[in-house]
Amino acid sequence: MGVLMDFSKIGKHCKVLSDSTLNNMKKEDLIKYIRNLEHNYNVAVDFNIQQAKNFEMMESRIVEELESMGDLKAVDVVKRGGISHGK
């Protein structure tokens, strides 16, 4: 699933509007505001999913390399998620 992104919005945070401002908005403007929030949320979720996939791929490569070097202790550390997990 590709992410279509409006690059002009990168680095720009959504302005938090007060309740009174939202209550006084025209329905059309409120819908546009909500759609923008939905878009931002979906882009963030897609980004996090891709980062998790990248990590899994990287973890597999690290494990393969360590196994080829015969460092099974390090393989165990990587598979447990690091030194601090499962001591």
C-alpha atoms as a PDB file:
ATOM      1  CA  MET A   1       0.000   0.000   0.000  1.00  0.00           C
ATOM      2  CA  GLY A   2       1.573   3.262  -1.102  1.00  0.00           C
ATOM      3  CA  VAL A   3       1.134   6.451   0.820  1.00  0.00           C
ATOM      4  CA  LEU A   4       0.099   9.488  -1.172  1.00  0.00           C
ATOM      5  CA  MET A   5       1.512  12.484   0.589  1.00  0.00           C
ATOM      6  CA  ASP A   6       1.134  16.220   0.234  1.00  0.00           C
ATOM      7  CA  PHE A   7       4.782  17.235   0.572  1.00  0.00           C
ATOM      8  CA  SER A   8       3.822  20.843   1.271  1.00  0.00           C
ATOM      9  CA  LYS A   9       2.449  19.676   4.636  1.00  0.00           C
ATOM     10  CA  ILE A  10       5.631  17.945   5.815  1.00  0.00           C
ATOM     11  CA  GLY A  11       6.840  19.417   9.064  1.00  0.00           C
ATOM     12  CA  LYS A  12       3.665  21.382   9.653  1.00  0.00           C
ATOM     13  CA  HIS A  13       1.622  20.516  12.698  1.00  0.00           C
ATOM     14  CA  CYS A  14      -2.135  20.718  12.718  1.00  0.00           C
ATOM     15  CA  LYS A  15      -3.313  23.724  14.645  1.00  0.00           C
ATOM     16  CA  VAL A  16      -5.390  22.686  17.657  1.00  0.00           C
ATOM     17  CA  LEU A  17      -8.647  24.584  17.546  1.00  0.00           C
ATOM     18  CA  SER A  18     -10.666  25.554  20.588  1.00  0.00           C
ATOM     19  CA  ASP A  19     -14.128  24.140  21.178  1.00  0.00           C
ATOM     20  CA  SER A  20     -15.702  27.522  20.513  1.00  0.00           C
ATOM     21  CA  THR A  21     -13.867  27.811  17.180  1.00  0.00           C
ATOM     22  CA  LEU A  22     -15.013  24.336  16.154  1.00  0.00           C
ATOM     23  CA  ASN A  23     -18.586  25.103  17.247  1.00  0.00           C
ATOM     24  CA  ASN A  24     -18.608  28.258  15.127  1.00  0.00           C
ATOM     25  CA  MET A  25     -17.179  26.669  11.982  1.00  0.00           C
ATOM     26  CA  LYS A  26     -19.339  26.160   8.933  1.00  0.00           C
ATOM     27  CA  LYS A  27     -20.182  22.513   8.373  1.00  0.00           C
ATOM     28  CA  GLU A  28     -18.154  22.431   5.138  1.00  0.00           C
ATOM     29  CA  ASP A  29     -15.045  23.826   6.880  1.00  0.00           C
ATOM     30  CA  LEU A  30     -15.434  21.427   9.789  1.00  0.00           C
ATOM     31  CA  ILE A  31     -15.644  18.475   7.381  1.00  0.00           C
ATOM     32  CA  LYS A  32     -12.458  19.658   5.610  1.00  0.00           C
ATOM     33  CA  TYR A  33     -10.715  19.968   8.980  1.00  0.00           C
ATOM     34  CA  ILE A  34     -11.790  16.449  10.006  1.00  0.00           C
ATOM     35  CA  ARG A  35     -10.703  14.976   6.654  1.00  0.00           C
ATOM     36  CA  ASN A  36      -7.280  16.597   7.082  1.00  0.00           C
ATOM     37  CA  LEU A  37      -6.963  15.050  10.559  1.00  0.00           C
ATOM     38  CA  GLU A  38      -7.989  11.651   9.171  1.00  0.00           C
ATOM     39  CA  HIS A  39      -5.390  11.951   6.425  1.00  0.00           C
ATOM     40  CA  ASN A  40      -2.657  12.878   8.907  1.00  0.00           C
ATOM     41  CA  TYR A  41      -3.599   9.972  11.166  1.00  0.00           C
ATOM     42  CA  ASN A  42      -3.550   7.477   8.277  1.00  0.00           C
ATOM     43  CA  VAL A  43      -0.163   8.716   7.059  1.00  0.00           C
ATOM     44  CA  ALA A  44       1.246   8.327  10.590  1.00  0.00           C
ATOM     45  CA  VAL A  45      -0.148   4.782  10.885  1.00  0.00           C
ATOM     46  CA  ASP A  46       1.233   3.786   7.457  1.00  0.00           C
ATOM     47  CA  PHE A  47       4.623   5.257   8.401  1.00  0.00           C
ATOM     48  CA  ASN A  48       4.710   3.258  11.647  1.00  0.00           C
ATOM     49  CA  ILE A  49       3.733   0.043   9.846  1.00  0.00           C
ATOM     50  CA  GLN A  50       6.549   0.581   7.329  1.00  0.00           C
ATOM     51  CA  GLN A  51       9.039   1.286  10.127  1.00  0.00           C
ATOM     52  CA  ALA A  52       8.045  -1.974  11.859  1.00  0.00           C
ATOM     53  CA  LYS A  53       8.537  -3.879   8.581  1.00  0.00           C
ATOM     54  CA  ASN A  54      11.929  -2.215   8.102  1.00  0.00           C
ATOM     55  CA  PHE A  55      12.964  -3.227  11.607  1.00  0.00           C
ATOM     56  CA  GLU A  56      11.865  -6.832  11.080  1.00  0.00           C
ATOM     57  CA  MET A  57      13.850  -6.999   7.844  1.00  0.00           C
ATOM     58  CA  MET A  58      16.886  -5.444   9.501  1.00  0.00           C
ATOM     59  CA  GLU A  59      16.585  -7.800  12.472  1.00  0.00           C
ATOM     60  CA  SER A  60      16.509 -10.827  10.144  1.00  0.00           C
ATOM     61  CA  ARG A  61      19.631  -9.631   8.335  1.00  0.00           C
ATOM     62  CA  ILE A  62      21.464  -9.048  11.626  1.00  0.00           C
ATOM     63  CA  VAL A  63      20.509 -12.520  12.880  1.00  0.00           C
ATOM     64  CA  GLU A  64      21.660 -14.137   9.608  1.00  0.00           C
ATOM     65  CA  GLU A  65      24.999 -12.316   9.765  1.00  0.00           C
ATOM     66  CA  LEU A  66      25.579 -13.228  13.417  1.00  0.00           C
ATOM     67  CA  GLU A  67      24.657 -16.867  12.735  1.00  0.00           C
ATOM     68  CA  SER A  68      27.112 -16.986   9.832  1.00  0.00           C
ATOM     69  CA  MET A  69      29.799 -15.707  12.226  1.00  0.00           C
ATOM     70  CA  GLY A  70      28.826 -18.354  14.791  1.00  0.00           C
ATOM     71  CA  ASP A  71      27.872 -15.802  17.464  1.00  0.00           C
ATOM     72  CA  LEU A  72      24.826 -17.579  18.877  1.00  0.00           C
ATOM     73  CA  LYS A  73      24.911 -15.566  22.105  1.00  0.00           C
ATOM     74  CA  ALA A  74      24.465 -12.338  20.129  1.00  0.00           C
ATOM     75  CA  VAL A  75      21.726 -13.988  18.043  1.00  0.00           C
ATOM     76  CA  ASP A  76      19.860 -14.783  21.259  1.00  0.00           C
ATOM     77  CA  VAL A  77      20.203 -11.160  22.422  1.00  0.00           C
ATOM     78  CA  VAL A  78      18.817  -9.831  19.130  1.00  0.00           C
ATOM     79  CA  LYS A  79      15.908 -12.284  19.113  1.00  0.00           C
ATOM     80  CA  ARG A  80      14.961 -11.329  22.698  1.00  0.00           C
ATOM     81  CA  GLY A  81      14.875  -7.670  21.707  1.00  0.00           C
ATOM     82  CA  GLY A  82      18.079  -6.516  23.363  1.00  0.00           C
ATOM     83  CA  ILE A  83      20.105  -6.985  26.497  1.00  0.00           C
ATOM     84  CA  SER A  84      17.539  -5.452  28.879  1.00  0.00           C
ATOM     85  CA  HIS A  85      14.764  -7.894  27.874  1.00  0.00           C
ATOM     86  CA  GLY A  86      14.542 -11.304  29.529  1.00  0.00           C
ATOM     87  CA  LYS A  87      17.581 -11.102  31.804  1.00  0.00           C
END
